[in-house]
Amino acid sequence: MAQRARERARALILRYVEEPGARALNSLGLSPNAVTVIGFLIVVVSAVFVGLGHLQIGGIIFLVGGAADLFDGALARLSQRVTSFGALLDSLFDRLGEAALYLGLAIYGLRIDPDSRNLTVYMTILILALASSQGVSYLRARGESLGIDTRGGIMTRPERVIILSAGLLLGEATVPLAMGFIAFFSIWTMLTRLIHLWRRLGTG
């Protein structure tokens, strides 16, 4: 049910957001790899703002940087420049971008309340969210290398971008909640994908 709803939403985003955006970027003469790098740099800027304590500004910038990730693949298909290296670059910068934002969140946590016992909880949730998110992405990449579709699950990169952006925009109190939500459902998605791979590959 959730997967079907996600697929419908994805189709609408592709039609009304990704494809028009890709056409606009193509008219500017930008390459898919350039869009990938630009999106990553925007996310790094958002991480700097978050680390400095400007959560709302960081959230807006992160949402923009995350949106750029929607366009590089669509632009590659539109301009017929789909390459293995482009896919590799996109995957690498997606992971580095998320890591950069979590680094900003870690610095923010250390700056605002370095002596609080709550900091231990905050950092634990942060590391769980980052590690499980990376695990979800890794299992998709590993599954694809084995010829197995592992795109299923309810906490993939677009959902993580939206939830993190919303948490930042809503302010300090919601950031741990957003990270906790991501951690829980990323672990769920990771286990779902792992079981799917196990069933396809067997135990031998």
Protein backbone atom coordinates (compact mmCIF):
# COMPACT_ATOMS: atom_id res chain seq x y z
CA MET A 1 0.00 0.00 0.00
CA ALA A 2 2.67 2.47 1.06
CA GLN A 3 4.86 1.39 -1.85
CA ARG A 4 2.05 1.94 -4.36
CA ALA A 5 1.33 5.39 -2.93
CA ARG A 6 5.02 6.23 -3.15
CA GLU A 7 5.15 5.10 -6.78
CA ARG A 8 2.15 7.30 -7.66
CA ALA A 9 3.72 10.29 -5.93
CA ARG A 10 7.00 9.57 -7.71
CA ALA A 11 5.26 9.51 -11.09
CA LEU A 12 3.61 12.89 -10.39
CA ILE A 13 6.92 14.42 -9.29
CA LEU A 14 8.61 13.07 -12.41
CA ARG A 15 5.96 14.54 -14.69
CA TYR A 16 5.42 17.92 -13.07
CA VAL A 17 8.75 18.66 -11.36
CA GLU A 18 11.68 16.62 -12.65
CA GLU A 19 11.02 16.77 -16.38
CA PRO A 20 10.23 20.54 -16.51
CA GLY A 21 13.26 21.22 -14.31
CA ALA A 22 15.48 19.06 -16.49
CA ARG A 23 14.33 20.92 -19.61
CA ALA A 24 15.12 24.26 -17.97
CA LEU A 25 18.60 23.10 -16.92
CA ASN A 26 19.23 21.66 -20.38
CA SER A 27 18.38 25.02 -21.93
CA LEU A 28 21.05 26.57 -19.69
CA GLY A 29 23.62 24.15 -21.07
CA LEU A 30 24.33 22.43 -17.76
CA SER A 31 25.53 18.83 -17.76
CA PRO A 32 24.07 16.20 -15.42
CA ASN A 33 27.39 15.89 -13.58
CA ALA A 34 27.52 19.67 -13.09
CA VAL A 35 24.04 19.59 -11.55
CA THR A 36 25.16 16.76 -9.24
CA VAL A 37 28.16 18.77 -8.03
CA ILE A 38 26.15 21.98 -7.66
CA GLY A 39 23.52 20.16 -5.60
CA PHE A 40 26.24 18.76 -3.33
CA LEU A 41 27.81 22.20 -2.82
CA ILE A 42 24.40 23.65 -1.93
CA VAL A 43 23.96 20.92 0.70
CA VAL A 44 27.41 21.72 2.14
CA VAL A 45 26.37 25.37 2.45
CA SER A 46 23.21 24.27 4.28
CA ALA A 47 25.35 22.19 6.66
CA VAL A 48 27.44 25.26 7.47
CA PHE A 49 24.32 27.27 8.35
CA VAL A 50 23.00 24.43 10.49
CA GLY A 51 26.31 24.14 12.32
CA LEU A 52 26.18 27.88 13.04
CA GLY A 53 22.70 27.51 14.51
CA HIS A 54 20.64 28.95 11.63
CA LEU A 55 18.33 25.96 11.35
CA GLN A 56 15.56 27.47 9.23
CA ILE A 57 17.97 28.93 6.69
CA GLY A 58 19.86 25.64 6.61
CA GLY A 59 16.61 23.74 6.11
CA ILE A 60 15.59 25.87 3.14
CA ILE A 61 19.01 25.54 1.52
CA PHE A 62 19.09 21.79 2.17
CA LEU A 63 15.70 21.40 0.52
CA VAL A 64 17.00 23.26 -2.54
CA GLY A 65 20.13 21.10 -2.65
CA GLY A 66 18.08 17.94 -2.22
CA ALA A 67 15.75 19.04 -5.02
CA ALA A 68 18.75 19.37 -7.33
CA ASP A 69 19.23 15.63 -6.91
CA LEU A 70 15.89 15.12 -8.65
CA PHE A 71 17.10 16.83 -11.78
CA ASP A 72 20.47 15.29 -12.61
CA GLY A 73 19.05 11.90 -13.55
CA ALA A 74 16.16 13.41 -15.51
CA LEU A 75 18.60 15.73 -17.28
CA ALA A 76 20.87 12.80 -18.16
CA ARG A 77 17.93 10.95 -19.73
CA LEU A 78 16.66 14.04 -21.53
CA SER A 79 20.05 14.93 -22.99
CA GLN A 80 20.94 11.27 -23.64
CA ARG A 81 24.00 11.54 -21.40
CA VAL A 82 23.29 8.61 -19.10
CA THR A 83 26.67 7.16 -18.07
CA SER A 84 27.91 4.72 -15.46
CA PHE A 85 30.29 7.35 -14.12
CA GLY A 86 27.44 9.85 -13.79
CA ALA A 87 25.44 7.34 -11.74
CA LEU A 88 28.50 6.66 -9.59
CA LEU A 89 29.12 10.37 -9.04
CA ASP A 90 25.49 10.95 -8.12
CA SER A 91 25.53 8.09 -5.61
CA LEU A 92 28.79 9.30 -4.05
CA PHE A 93 27.71 12.91 -3.65
CA ASP A 94 24.31 11.87 -2.27
CA ARG A 95 26.09 10.07 0.55
CA LEU A 96 28.65 12.82 1.11
CA GLY A 97 25.89 15.45 1.16
CA GLU A 98 23.92 13.62 3.83
CA ALA A 99 27.09 13.09 5.87
CA ALA A 100 27.87 16.82 5.59
CA LEU A 101 24.45 17.78 6.90
CA TYR A 102 24.71 15.37 9.83
CA LEU A 103 28.13 16.82 10.60
CA GLY A 104 26.48 20.24 10.71
CA LEU A 105 23.82 18.84 13.04
CA ALA A 106 26.51 17.32 15.27
CA ILE A 107 28.36 20.65 15.49
CA TYR A 108 25.08 22.39 16.26
CA GLY A 109 24.34 19.95 19.08
CA LEU A 110 27.79 20.38 20.58
CA ARG A 111 27.56 24.16 20.42
CA ILE A 112 24.15 24.66 21.99
CA ASP A 113 24.35 22.26 24.94
CA PRO A 114 27.82 20.70 25.36
CA ASP A 115 27.38 19.72 29.02
CA SER A 116 23.86 18.32 28.91
CA ARG A 117 23.12 14.64 29.35
CA ASN A 118 20.59 15.08 26.53
CA LEU A 119 23.55 15.51 24.20
CA THR A 120 24.28 11.78 24.51
CA VAL A 121 20.75 10.97 23.36
CA TYR A 122 20.96 13.56 20.57
CA MET A 123 24.26 12.21 19.24
CA THR A 124 23.07 8.60 19.51
CA ILE A 125 19.98 9.36 17.44
CA LEU A 126 22.07 11.33 14.94
CA ILE A 127 24.55 8.48 14.40
CA LEU A 128 21.75 5.92 14.10
CA ALA A 129 19.98 8.08 11.51
CA LEU A 130 23.16 8.59 9.49
CA ALA A 131 24.32 4.96 9.68
CA SER A 132 20.94 3.48 8.82
CA SER A 133 20.44 5.95 5.96
CA GLN A 134 23.80 4.95 4.51
CA GLY A 135 22.84 1.31 4.96
CA VAL A 136 19.64 1.80 2.97
CA SER A 137 21.56 3.42 0.11
CA TYR A 138 24.28 0.77 0.23
CA LEU A 139 21.81 -2.11 -0.04
CA ARG A 140 20.19 -0.52 -3.08
CA ALA A 141 23.57 -0.05 -4.78
CA ARG A 142 24.70 -3.56 -3.84
CA GLY A 143 21.43 -5.06 -4.98
CA GLU A 144 21.66 -3.31 -8.34
CA SER A 145 25.21 -4.61 -8.80
CA LEU A 146 23.78 -8.10 -8.33
CA GLY A 147 20.94 -7.46 -10.76
CA ILE A 148 18.27 -7.28 -8.05
CA ASP A 149 15.81 -4.40 -7.70
CA THR A 150 16.05 -3.14 -4.10
CA ARG A 151 14.33 0.23 -4.43
CA GLY A 152 11.53 -0.74 -2.08
CA GLY A 153 10.98 0.63 1.40
CA ILE A 154 9.39 3.70 2.92
CA MET A 155 12.47 5.68 3.94
CA THR A 156 14.53 6.42 0.85
CA ARG A 157 16.50 9.55 0.00
CA PRO A 158 13.58 11.79 -1.08
CA GLU A 159 11.72 11.02 2.14
CA ARG A 160 14.84 11.69 4.20
CA VAL A 161 15.40 15.05 2.50
CA ILE A 162 11.80 16.12 3.12
CA ILE A 163 11.77 15.00 6.76
CA LEU A 164 15.13 16.57 7.60
CA SER A 165 14.17 19.82 5.88
CA ALA A 166 10.85 19.91 7.76
CA GLY A 167 12.61 19.23 11.06
CA LEU A 168 15.05 22.07 10.48
CA LEU A 169 12.34 24.48 9.35
CA LEU A 170 10.17 23.77 12.39
CA GLY A 171 13.03 24.51 14.77
CA GLU A 172 15.24 23.10 17.47
CA ALA A 173 12.67 20.91 19.23
CA THR A 174 11.73 18.97 16.10
CA VAL A 175 15.25 18.17 14.89
CA PRO A 176 15.78 15.16 17.23
CA LEU A 177 12.27 13.95 16.39
CA ALA A 178 13.01 14.14 12.66
CA MET A 179 16.28 12.26 13.11
CA GLY A 180 14.60 9.66 15.30
CA PHE A 181 11.87 9.15 12.71
CA ILE A 182 14.48 8.74 9.99
CA ALA A 183 16.53 6.33 12.13
CA PHE A 184 13.56 4.09 12.96
CA PHE A 185 12.15 3.83 9.44
CA SER A 186 15.59 3.64 7.81
CA ILE A 187 16.38 0.62 9.99
CA TRP A 188 13.01 -0.84 8.98
CA THR A 189 13.73 -0.18 5.29
CA MET A 190 17.24 -1.59 5.62
CA LEU A 191 15.92 -4.81 7.15
CA THR A 192 13.20 -5.05 4.49
CA ARG A 193 15.78 -4.76 1.73
CA LEU A 194 18.13 -7.20 3.42
CA ILE A 195 15.37 -9.80 3.71
CA HIS A 196 14.47 -9.23 0.05
CA LEU A 197 18.10 -9.80 -0.96
CA TRP A 198 18.34 -12.87 1.26
CA ARG A 199 15.27 -14.38 -0.37
CA ARG A 200 16.64 -13.72 -3.86
CA LEU A 201 20.19 -14.85 -3.16
CA GLY A 202 19.56 -17.65 -0.69
CA THR A 203 21.71 -18.42 2.34
CA GLY A 204 24.35 -20.48 0.61
